[in-house]
Structure formats: structure tokens, C-alpha cells
Amino acid sequence: MLSILALLNGHFNVLDAPMGPLNGTGMLLQLFGLSLAVMVIRQRKLDPIIKERAKKMVLVLTVGLLVFLLFPLFAILPDGRYLQIPTYELD
């Protein structure tokens, strides 16, 4: 959810605030959920239904993580321009 907010704000410019920390927190939580799902899959004495749910969770989180990593590369604005990733110059 946090990553979606950061992507939407980058697209529509609702808030004039840095979205890097919000996007990073969202990705960190996705990686944490992914690691928990993998740990559930690796446990031996669990109900097969729980393991199937964990497999679905791994699939959804992996696709979501790929979308949030690759979206800025292919983001096109409504007027046809590509989304500009802000760069900062160091003095």
C-alpha cells in the first residue's frame, strides 16, 4: 500500500514531498512478507492449505515487487512524455 501511494504521488504530484523513504519502506515490508511466506513453505509439519496460501502469497508479493521496481522504467505520462526520475546534484 505504501509503495502504491508513492507511485501515485509521483504520477499525479498531489504532495510536494520526497517519496523515496515511503517507497523504500513499502519495498522493505514486501520483502519481509516474502521472507515470512518462504519460511512458512519450508516448515515441515504444517497444514497443506496453509502452505498453498503461502505459495500464493509468494507469487503475489514477487509480482508486486517486480512491478514497483520496473514501473519507473516504463512510466509514461498522459501527454506522452516519460516520467522523470528526480536527480540530485552534490556540491
PDB file of N, CA and C in Angstrom:
ATOM      1  N   MET A   1       0.822  -1.183   0.000  1.00  0.00           N
ATOM      2  CA  MET A   1       0.000   0.000   0.000  1.00  0.00           C
ATOM      3  C   MET A   1       0.872   1.255   0.000  1.00  0.00           C
ATOM      4  N   LEU A   2       1.944   1.221   0.769  1.00  0.00           N
ATOM      5  CA  LEU A   2       2.819   2.384   0.818  1.00  0.00           C
ATOM      6  C   LEU A   2       3.488   2.646  -0.524  1.00  0.00           C
ATOM      7  N   SER A   3       3.875   1.584  -1.203  1.00  0.00           N
ATOM      8  CA  SER A   3       4.515   1.753  -2.500  1.00  0.00           C
ATOM      9  C   SER A   3       3.541   2.296  -3.530  1.00  0.00           C
ATOM     10  N   ILE A   4       2.278   1.885  -3.435  1.00  0.00           N
ATOM     11  CA  ILE A   4       1.272   2.399  -4.362  1.00  0.00           C
ATOM     12  C   ILE A   4       1.083   3.895  -4.151  1.00  0.00           C
ATOM     13  N   LEU A   5       1.044   4.334  -2.891  1.00  0.00           N
ATOM     14  CA  LEU A   5       0.908   5.765  -2.613  1.00  0.00           C
ATOM     15  C   LEU A   5       2.083   6.555  -3.181  1.00  0.00           C
ATOM     16  N   ALA A   6       3.275   6.017  -3.044  1.00  0.00           N
ATOM     17  CA  ALA A   6       4.452   6.716  -3.568  1.00  0.00           C
ATOM     18  C   ALA A   6       4.416   6.784  -5.094  1.00  0.00           C
ATOM     19  N   LEU A   7       3.978   5.703  -5.749  1.00  0.00           N
ATOM     20  CA  LEU A   7       3.885   5.717  -7.206  1.00  0.00           C
ATOM     21  C   LEU A   7       2.813   6.681  -7.693  1.00  0.00           C
ATOM     22  N   LEU A   8       1.663   6.686  -7.043  1.00  0.00           N
ATOM     23  CA  LEU A   8       0.594   7.600  -7.448  1.00  0.00           C
ATOM     24  C   LEU A   8       0.980   9.050  -7.223  1.00  0.00           C
ATOM     25  N   ASN A   9       1.670   9.329  -6.136  1.00  0.00           N
ATOM     26  CA  ASN A   9       2.108  10.706  -5.900  1.00  0.00           C
ATOM     27  C   ASN A   9       3.162  11.118  -6.927  1.00  0.00           C
ATOM     28  N   GLY A  10       4.007  10.212  -7.334  1.00  0.00           N
ATOM     29  CA  GLY A  10       4.981  10.535  -8.374  1.00  0.00           C
ATOM     30  C   GLY A  10       4.325  10.787  -9.716  1.00  0.00           C
ATOM     31  N   HIS A  11       3.177  10.162  -9.939  1.00  0.00           N
ATOM     32  CA  HIS A  11       2.478  10.318 -11.218  1.00  0.00           C
ATOM     33  C   HIS A  11       1.588  11.564 -11.231  1.00  0.00           C
ATOM     34  N   PHE A  12       0.849  11.800 -10.141  1.00  0.00           N
ATOM     35  CA  PHE A  12      -0.114  12.897 -10.113  1.00  0.00           C
ATOM     36  C   PHE A  12       0.373  14.130  -9.356  1.00  0.00           C
ATOM     37  N   ASN A  13       1.492  14.047  -8.660  1.00  0.00           N
ATOM     38  CA  ASN A  13       2.067  15.168  -7.905  1.00  0.00           C
ATOM     39  C   ASN A  13       1.056  15.813  -6.955  1.00  0.00           C
ATOM     40  N   VAL A  14       0.448  15.010  -6.083  1.00  0.00           N
ATOM     41  CA  VAL A  14      -0.503  15.517  -5.108  1.00  0.00           C
ATOM     42  C   VAL A  14       0.229  16.236  -3.981  1.00  0.00           C
ATOM     43  N   LEU A  15       1.270  15.621  -3.469  1.00  0.00           N
ATOM     44  CA  LEU A  15       2.066  16.213  -2.393  1.00  0.00           C
ATOM     45  C   LEU A  15       3.452  16.570  -2.905  1.00  0.00           C
ATOM     46  N   ASP A  16       3.956  17.685  -2.440  1.00  0.00           N
ATOM     47  CA  ASP A  16       5.316  18.067  -2.790  1.00  0.00           C
ATOM     48  C   ASP A  16       6.242  17.600  -1.666  1.00  0.00           C
ATOM     49  N   ALA A  17       6.422  16.304  -1.594  1.00  0.00           N
ATOM     50  CA  ALA A  17       7.236  15.706  -0.540  1.00  0.00           C
ATOM     51  C   ALA A  17       8.067  14.581  -1.150  1.00  0.00           C
ATOM     52  N   PRO A  18       9.223  14.300  -0.562  1.00  0.00           N
ATOM     53  CA  PRO A  18      10.024  13.192  -1.089  1.00  0.00           C
ATOM     54  C   PRO A  18       9.342  11.850  -0.816  1.00  0.00           C
ATOM     55  N   MET A  19       9.218  11.039  -1.839  1.00  0.00           N
ATOM     56  CA  MET A  19       8.538   9.760  -1.708  1.00  0.00           C
ATOM     57  C   MET A  19       9.520   8.595  -1.614  1.00  0.00           C
ATOM     58  N   GLY A  20      10.807   8.868  -1.642  1.00  0.00           N
ATOM     59  CA  GLY A  20      11.803   7.810  -1.550  1.00  0.00           C
ATOM     60  C   GLY A  20      11.703   6.989  -0.274  1.00  0.00           C
ATOM     61  N   PRO A  21      11.638   7.639   0.900  1.00  0.00           N
ATOM     62  CA  PRO A  21      11.525   6.855   2.138  1.00  0.00           C
ATOM     63  C   PRO A  21      10.237   6.038   2.213  1.00  0.00           C
ATOM     64  N   LEU A  22       9.147   6.575   1.697  1.00  0.00           N
ATOM     65  CA  LEU A  22       7.873   5.851   1.711  1.00  0.00           C
ATOM     66  C   LEU A  22       7.941   4.645   0.781  1.00  0.00           C
ATOM     67  N   ASN A  23       8.525   4.832  -0.383  1.00  0.00           N
ATOM     68  CA  ASN A  23       8.668   3.740  -1.337  1.00  0.00           C
ATOM     69  C   ASN A  23       9.618   2.673  -0.790  1.00  0.00           C
ATOM     70  N   GLY A  24      10.696   3.109  -0.148  1.00  0.00           N
ATOM     71  CA  GLY A  24      11.639   2.161   0.441  1.00  0.00           C
ATOM     72  C   GLY A  24      11.017   1.358   1.566  1.00  0.00           C
ATOM     73  N   THR A  25      10.193   2.014   2.382  1.00  0.00           N
ATOM     74  CA  THR A  25       9.514   1.305   3.470  1.00  0.00           C
ATOM     75  C   THR A  25       8.536   0.278   2.918  1.00  0.00           C
ATOM     76  N   GLY A  26       7.823   0.641   1.854  1.00  0.00           N
ATOM     77  CA  GLY A  26       6.893  -0.303   1.236  1.00  0.00           C
ATOM     78  C   GLY A  26       7.613  -1.523   0.681  1.00  0.00           C
ATOM     79  N   MET A  27       8.747  -1.290   0.030  1.00  0.00           N
ATOM     80  CA  MET A  27       9.511  -2.416  -0.512  1.00  0.00           C
ATOM     81  C   MET A  27      10.101  -3.274   0.600  1.00  0.00           C
ATOM     82  N   LEU A  28      10.529  -2.642   1.680  1.00  0.00           N
ATOM     83  CA  LEU A  28      11.053  -3.393   2.822  1.00  0.00           C
ATOM     84  C   LEU A  28       9.974  -4.293   3.417  1.00  0.00           C
ATOM     85  N   LEU A  29       8.760  -3.779   3.544  1.00  0.00           N
ATOM     86  CA  LEU A  29       7.669  -4.589   4.081  1.00  0.00           C
ATOM     87  C   LEU A  29       7.291  -5.723   3.127  1.00  0.00           C
ATOM     88  N   GLN A  30       7.379  -5.473   1.814  1.00  0.00           N
ATOM     89  CA  GLN A  30       7.122  -6.548   0.860  1.00  0.00           C
ATOM     90  C   GLN A  30       8.172  -7.645   0.976  1.00  0.00           C
ATOM     91  N   LEU A  31       9.426  -7.266   1.113  1.00  0.00           N
ATOM     92  CA  LEU A  31      10.484  -8.265   1.275  1.00  0.00           C
ATOM     93  C   LEU A  31      10.319  -9.040   2.581  1.00  0.00           C
ATOM     94  N   PHE A  32       9.882  -8.352   3.633  1.00  0.00           N
ATOM     95  CA  PHE A  32       9.644  -9.015   4.913  1.00  0.00           C
ATOM     96  C   PHE A  32       8.509 -10.035   4.784  1.00  0.00           C
ATOM     97  N   GLY A  33       7.415  -9.651   4.126  1.00  0.00           N
ATOM     98  CA  GLY A  33       6.311 -10.585   3.907  1.00  0.00           C
ATOM     99  C   GLY A  33       6.727 -11.757   3.043  1.00  0.00           C
ATOM    100  N   LEU A  34       7.562 -11.490   2.051  1.00  0.00           N
ATOM    101  CA  LEU A  34       8.060 -12.556   1.187  1.00  0.00           C
ATOM    102  C   LEU A  34       8.916 -13.544   1.969  1.00  0.00           C
ATOM    103  N   SER A  35       9.759 -13.039   2.850  1.00  0.00           N
ATOM    104  CA  SER A  35      10.598 -13.942   3.642  1.00  0.00           C
ATOM    105  C   SER A  35       9.762 -14.759   4.625  1.00  0.00           C
ATOM    106  N   LEU A  36       8.712 -14.158   5.196  1.00  0.00           N
ATOM    107  CA  LEU A  36       7.833 -14.922   6.086  1.00  0.00           C
ATOM    108  C   LEU A  36       7.106 -16.031   5.329  1.00  0.00           C
ATOM    109  N   ALA A  37       6.658 -15.734   4.114  1.00  0.00           N
ATOM    110  CA  ALA A  37       5.961 -16.748   3.330  1.00  0.00           C
ATOM    111  C   ALA A  37       6.895 -17.895   2.955  1.00  0.00           C
ATOM    112  N   VAL A  38       8.131 -17.579   2.638  1.00  0.00           N
ATOM    113  CA  VAL A  38       9.103 -18.634   2.311  1.00  0.00           C
ATOM    114  C   VAL A  38       9.387 -19.487   3.543  1.00  0.00           C
ATOM    115  N   MET A  39       9.477 -18.855   4.714  1.00  0.00           N
ATOM    116  CA  MET A  39       9.700 -19.628   5.934  1.00  0.00           C
ATOM    117  C   MET A  39       8.528 -20.566   6.217  1.00  0.00           C
ATOM    118  N   VAL A  40       7.306 -20.126   5.937  1.00  0.00           N
ATOM    119  CA  VAL A  40       6.134 -20.980   6.132  1.00  0.00           C
ATOM    120  C   VAL A  40       6.189 -22.166   5.181  1.00  0.00           C
ATOM    121  N   ILE A  41       6.577 -21.937   3.939  1.00  0.00           N
ATOM    122  CA  ILE A  41       6.657 -23.022   2.960  1.00  0.00           C
ATOM    123  C   ILE A  41       7.687 -24.062   3.383  1.00  0.00           C
ATOM    124  N   ARG A  42       8.764 -23.631   3.991  1.00  0.00           N
ATOM    125  CA  ARG A  42       9.840 -24.557   4.349  1.00  0.00           C
ATOM    126  C   ARG A  42       9.556 -25.377   5.610  1.00  0.00           C
ATOM    127  N   GLN A  43       8.555 -24.991   6.389  1.00  0.00           N
ATOM    128  CA  GLN A  43       8.247 -25.753   7.601  1.00  0.00           C
ATOM    129  C   GLN A  43       7.650 -27.101   7.233  1.00  0.00           C
ATOM    130  N   ARG A  44       7.955 -28.108   8.028  1.00  0.00           N
ATOM    131  CA  ARG A  44       7.556 -29.484   7.703  1.00  0.00           C
ATOM    132  C   ARG A  44       6.146 -29.822   8.155  1.00  0.00           C
ATOM    133  N   LYS A  45       5.821 -29.535   9.389  1.00  0.00           N
ATOM    134  CA  LYS A  45       4.570 -30.033   9.966  1.00  0.00           C
ATOM    135  C   LYS A  45       3.486 -28.954   9.936  1.00  0.00           C
ATOM    136  N   LEU A  46       3.119 -28.538   8.738  1.00  0.00           N
ATOM    137  CA  LEU A  46       2.040 -27.563   8.588  1.00  0.00           C
ATOM    138  C   LEU A  46       0.956 -28.133   7.693  1.00  0.00           C
ATOM    139  N   ASP A  47      -0.235 -27.598   7.856  1.00  0.00           N
ATOM    140  CA  ASP A  47      -1.364 -28.000   7.035  1.00  0.00           C
ATOM    141  C   ASP A  47      -1.093 -27.625   5.567  1.00  0.00           C
ATOM    142  N   PRO A  48      -1.395 -28.509   4.632  1.00  0.00           N
ATOM    143  CA  PRO A  48      -1.151 -28.187   3.207  1.00  0.00           C
ATOM    144  C   PRO A  48      -1.912 -26.960   2.720  1.00  0.00           C
ATOM    145  N   ILE A  49      -3.046 -26.657   3.348  1.00  0.00           N
ATOM    146  CA  ILE A  49      -3.807 -25.466   2.947  1.00  0.00           C
ATOM    147  C   ILE A  49      -3.015 -24.202   3.252  1.00  0.00           C
ATOM    148  N   ILE A  50      -2.356 -24.177   4.396  1.00  0.00           N
ATOM    149  CA  ILE A  50      -1.547 -23.020   4.775  1.00  0.00           C
ATOM    150  C   ILE A  50      -0.367 -22.872   3.824  1.00  0.00           C
ATOM    151  N   LYS A  51       0.242 -23.990   3.448  1.00  0.00           N
ATOM    152  CA  LYS A  51       1.360 -23.935   2.512  1.00  0.00           C
ATOM    153  C   LYS A  51       0.921 -23.429   1.135  1.00  0.00           C
ATOM    154  N   GLU A  52      -0.274 -23.815   0.696  1.00  0.00           N
ATOM    155  CA  GLU A  52      -0.780 -23.320  -0.588  1.00  0.00           C
ATOM    156  C   GLU A  52      -1.031 -21.817  -0.535  1.00  0.00           C
ATOM    157  N   ARG A  53      -1.550 -21.355   0.578  1.00  0.00           N
ATOM    158  CA  ARG A  53      -1.764 -19.909   0.739  1.00  0.00           C
ATOM    159  C   ARG A  53      -0.432 -19.162   0.747  1.00  0.00           C
ATOM    160  N   ALA A  54       0.563 -19.756   1.373  1.00  0.00           N
ATOM    161  CA  ALA A  54       1.886 -19.127   1.400  1.00  0.00           C
ATOM    162  C   ALA A  54       2.483 -19.080  -0.008  1.00  0.00           C
ATOM    163  N   LYS A  55       2.243 -20.114  -0.818  1.00  0.00           N
ATOM    164  CA  LYS A  55       2.733 -20.102  -2.197  1.00  0.00           C
ATOM    165  C   LYS A  55       2.074 -19.001  -3.009  1.00  0.00           C
ATOM    166  N   LYS A  56       0.768 -18.812  -2.799  1.00  0.00           N
ATOM    167  CA  LYS A  56       0.075 -17.720  -3.484  1.00  0.00           C
ATOM    168  C   LYS A  56       0.605 -16.372  -3.028  1.00  0.00           C
ATOM    169  N   MET A  57       0.899 -16.266  -1.738  1.00  0.00           N
ATOM    170  CA  MET A  57       1.432 -15.019  -1.203  1.00  0.00           C
ATOM    171  C   MET A  57       2.802 -14.715  -1.794  1.00  0.00           C
ATOM    172  N   VAL A  58       3.635 -15.739  -1.961  1.00  0.00           N
ATOM    173  CA  VAL A  58       4.944 -15.547  -2.584  1.00  0.00           C
ATOM    174  C   VAL A  58       4.775 -15.044  -4.007  1.00  0.00           C
ATOM    175  N   LEU A  59       3.841 -15.612  -4.738  1.00  0.00           N
ATOM    176  CA  LEU A  59       3.613 -15.190  -6.118  1.00  0.00           C
ATOM    177  C   LEU A  59       3.144 -13.742  -6.189  1.00  0.00           C
ATOM    178  N   VAL A  60       2.175 -13.387  -5.362  1.00  0.00           N
ATOM    179  CA  VAL A  60       1.638 -12.026  -5.385  1.00  0.00           C
ATOM    180  C   VAL A  60       2.693 -11.004  -4.968  1.00  0.00           C
ATOM    181  N   LEU A  61       3.436 -11.303  -3.910  1.00  0.00           N
ATOM    182  CA  LEU A  61       4.454 -10.355  -3.443  1.00  0.00           C
ATOM    183  C   LEU A  61       5.605 -10.219  -4.435  1.00  0.00           C
ATOM    184  N   THR A  62       5.971 -11.295  -5.101  1.00  0.00           N
ATOM    185  CA  THR A  62       7.042 -11.229  -6.087  1.00  0.00           C
ATOM    186  C   THR A  62       6.615 -10.385  -7.285  1.00  0.00           C
ATOM    187  N   VAL A  63       5.413 -10.601  -7.763  1.00  0.00           N
ATOM    188  CA  VAL A  63       4.923  -9.797  -8.889  1.00  0.00           C
ATOM    189  C   VAL A  63       4.808  -8.331  -8.482  1.00  0.00           C
ATOM    190  N   GLY A  64       4.300  -8.079  -7.282  1.00  0.00           N
ATOM    191  CA  GLY A  64       4.206  -6.701  -6.798  1.00  0.00           C
ATOM    192  C   GLY A  64       5.558  -6.032  -6.677  1.00  0.00           C
ATOM    193  N   LEU A  65       6.528  -6.755  -6.180  1.00  0.00           N
ATOM    194  CA  LEU A  65       7.872  -6.197  -6.043  1.00  0.00           C
ATOM    195  C   LEU A  65       8.483  -5.889  -7.410  1.00  0.00           C
ATOM    196  N   LEU A  66       8.279  -6.784  -8.366  1.00  0.00           N
ATOM    197  CA  LEU A  66       8.773  -6.522  -9.720  1.00  0.00           C
ATOM    198  C   LEU A  66       8.092  -5.314 -10.345  1.00  0.00           C
ATOM    199  N   VAL A  67       6.794  -5.179 -10.117  1.00  0.00           N
ATOM    200  CA  VAL A  67       6.073  -4.022 -10.659  1.00  0.00           C
ATOM    201  C   VAL A  67       6.626  -2.733 -10.070  1.00  0.00           C
ATOM    202  N   PHE A  68       6.852  -2.706  -8.760  1.00  0.00           N
ATOM    203  CA  PHE A  68       7.335  -1.483  -8.141  1.00  0.00           C
ATOM    204  C   PHE A  68       8.785  -1.180  -8.489  1.00  0.00           C
ATOM    205  N   LEU A  69       9.553  -2.198  -8.842  1.00  0.00           N
ATOM    206  CA  LEU A  69      10.928  -1.951  -9.273  1.00  0.00           C
ATOM    207  C   LEU A  69      10.992  -1.522 -10.729  1.00  0.00           C
ATOM    208  N   LEU A  70      10.123  -2.070 -11.573  1.00  0.00           N
ATOM    209  CA  LEU A  70      10.194  -1.798 -13.006  1.00  0.00           C
ATOM    210  C   LEU A  70       9.259  -0.688 -13.468  1.00  0.00           C
ATOM    211  N   PHE A  71       8.290  -0.288 -12.663  1.00  0.00           N
ATOM    212  CA  PHE A  71       7.335   0.732 -13.080  1.00  0.00           C
ATOM    213  C   PHE A  71       7.995   2.051 -13.465  1.00  0.00           C
ATOM    214  N   PRO A  72       8.949   2.560 -12.692  1.00  0.00           N
ATOM    215  CA  PRO A  72       9.547   3.839 -13.100  1.00  0.00           C
ATOM    216  C   PRO A  72      10.279   3.762 -14.439  1.00  0.00           C
ATOM    217  N   LEU A  73      10.703   2.596 -14.857  1.00  0.00           N
ATOM    218  CA  LEU A  73      11.389   2.493 -16.139  1.00  0.00           C
ATOM    219  C   LEU A  73      10.440   2.648 -17.323  1.00  0.00           C
ATOM    220  N   PHE A  74       9.178   2.254 -17.127  1.00  0.00           N
ATOM    221  CA  PHE A  74       8.231   2.251 -18.235  1.00  0.00           C
ATOM    222  C   PHE A  74       7.062   3.212 -18.040  1.00  0.00           C
ATOM    223  N   ALA A  75       7.161   4.100 -17.069  1.00  0.00           N
ATOM    224  CA  ALA A  75       6.047   5.003 -16.781  1.00  0.00           C
ATOM    225  C   ALA A  75       5.964   6.091 -17.844  1.00  0.00           C
ATOM    226  N   ILE A  76       4.797   6.217 -18.422  1.00  0.00           N
ATOM    227  CA  ILE A  76       4.552   7.243 -19.436  1.00  0.00           C
ATOM    228  C   ILE A  76       3.451   8.153 -18.914  1.00  0.00           C
ATOM    229  N   LEU A  77       3.685   9.453 -18.985  1.00  0.00           N
ATOM    230  CA  LEU A  77       2.702  10.425 -18.533  1.00  0.00           C
ATOM    231  C   LEU A  77       1.589  10.556 -19.573  1.00  0.00           C
ATOM    232  N   PRO A  78       0.428  11.129 -19.182  1.00  0.00           N
ATOM    233  CA  PRO A  78      -0.689  11.246 -20.133  1.00  0.00           C
ATOM    234  C   PRO A  78      -0.356  12.028 -21.401  1.00  0.00           C
ATOM    235  N   ASP A  79       0.568  12.975 -21.344  1.00  0.00           N
ATOM    236  CA  ASP A  79       0.904  13.744 -22.543  1.00  0.00           C
ATOM    237  C   ASP A  79       1.964  13.056 -23.401  1.00  0.00           C
ATOM    238  N   GLY A  80       2.345  11.845 -23.073  1.00  0.00           N
ATOM    239  CA  GLY A  80       3.268  11.076 -23.900  1.00  0.00           C
ATOM    240  C   GLY A  80       4.724  11.126 -23.466  1.00  0.00           C
ATOM    241  N   ARG A  81       5.049  11.989 -22.499  1.00  0.00           N
ATOM    242  CA  ARG A  81       6.427  12.052 -22.013  1.00  0.00           C
ATOM    243  C   ARG A  81       6.667  10.943 -21.000  1.00  0.00           C
ATOM    244  N   TYR A  82       7.912  10.567 -20.843  1.00  0.00           N
ATOM    245  CA  TYR A  82       8.259   9.581 -19.821  1.00  0.00           C
ATOM    246  C   TYR A  82       8.353  10.263 -18.468  1.00  0.00           C
ATOM    247  N   LEU A  83       8.049   9.514 -17.442  1.00  0.00           N
ATOM    248  CA  LEU A  83       8.141  10.018 -16.083  1.00  0.00           C
ATOM    249  C   LEU A  83       9.599  10.306 -15.759  1.00  0.00           C
ATOM    250  N   GLN A  84       9.882  11.505 -15.296  1.00  0.00           N
ATOM    251  CA  GLN A  84      11.237  11.897 -14.975  1.00  0.00           C
ATOM    252  C   GLN A  84      11.565  11.506 -13.542  1.00  0.00           C
ATOM    253  N   ILE A  85      12.630  10.750 -13.381  1.00  0.00           N
ATOM    254  CA  ILE A  85      13.089  10.391 -12.045  1.00  0.00           C
ATOM    255  C   ILE A  85      13.969  11.530 -11.556  1.00  0.00           C
ATOM    256  N   PRO A  86      13.638  12.121 -10.396  1.00  0.00           N
ATOM    257  CA  PRO A  86      14.417  13.273  -9.941  1.00  0.00           C
ATOM    258  C   PRO A  86      15.869  12.881  -9.631  1.00  0.00           C
ATOM    259  N   THR A  87      16.766  13.739 -10.054  1.00  0.00           N
ATOM    260  CA  THR A  87      18.185  13.540  -9.757  1.00  0.00           C
ATOM    261  C   THR A  87      18.653  14.727  -8.928  1.00  0.00           C
ATOM    262  N   TYR A  88      19.581  14.464  -8.062  1.00  0.00           N
ATOM    263  CA  TYR A  88      20.096  15.497  -7.176  1.00  0.00           C
ATOM    264  C   TYR A  88      21.593  15.664  -7.433  1.00  0.00           C
ATOM    265  N   GLU A  89      22.006  16.887  -7.504  1.00  0.00           N
ATOM    266  CA  GLU A  89      23.429  17.157  -7.714  1.00  0.00           C
ATOM    267  C   GLU A  89      24.088  17.401  -6.369  1.00  0.00           C
ATOM    268  N   LEU A  90      25.249  16.805  -6.210  1.00  0.00           N
ATOM    269  CA  LEU A  90      26.028  17.015  -4.998  1.00  0.00           C
ATOM    270  C   LEU A  90      27.029  18.120  -5.244  1.00  0.00           C
ATOM    271  N   ASP A  91      27.132  19.029  -4.308  1.00  0.00           N
ATOM    272  CA  ASP A  91      28.089  20.140  -4.466  1.00  0.00           C
ATOM    273  C   ASP A  91      29.476  19.734  -4.062  1.00  0.00           C
TER     274      ASP A  91
END
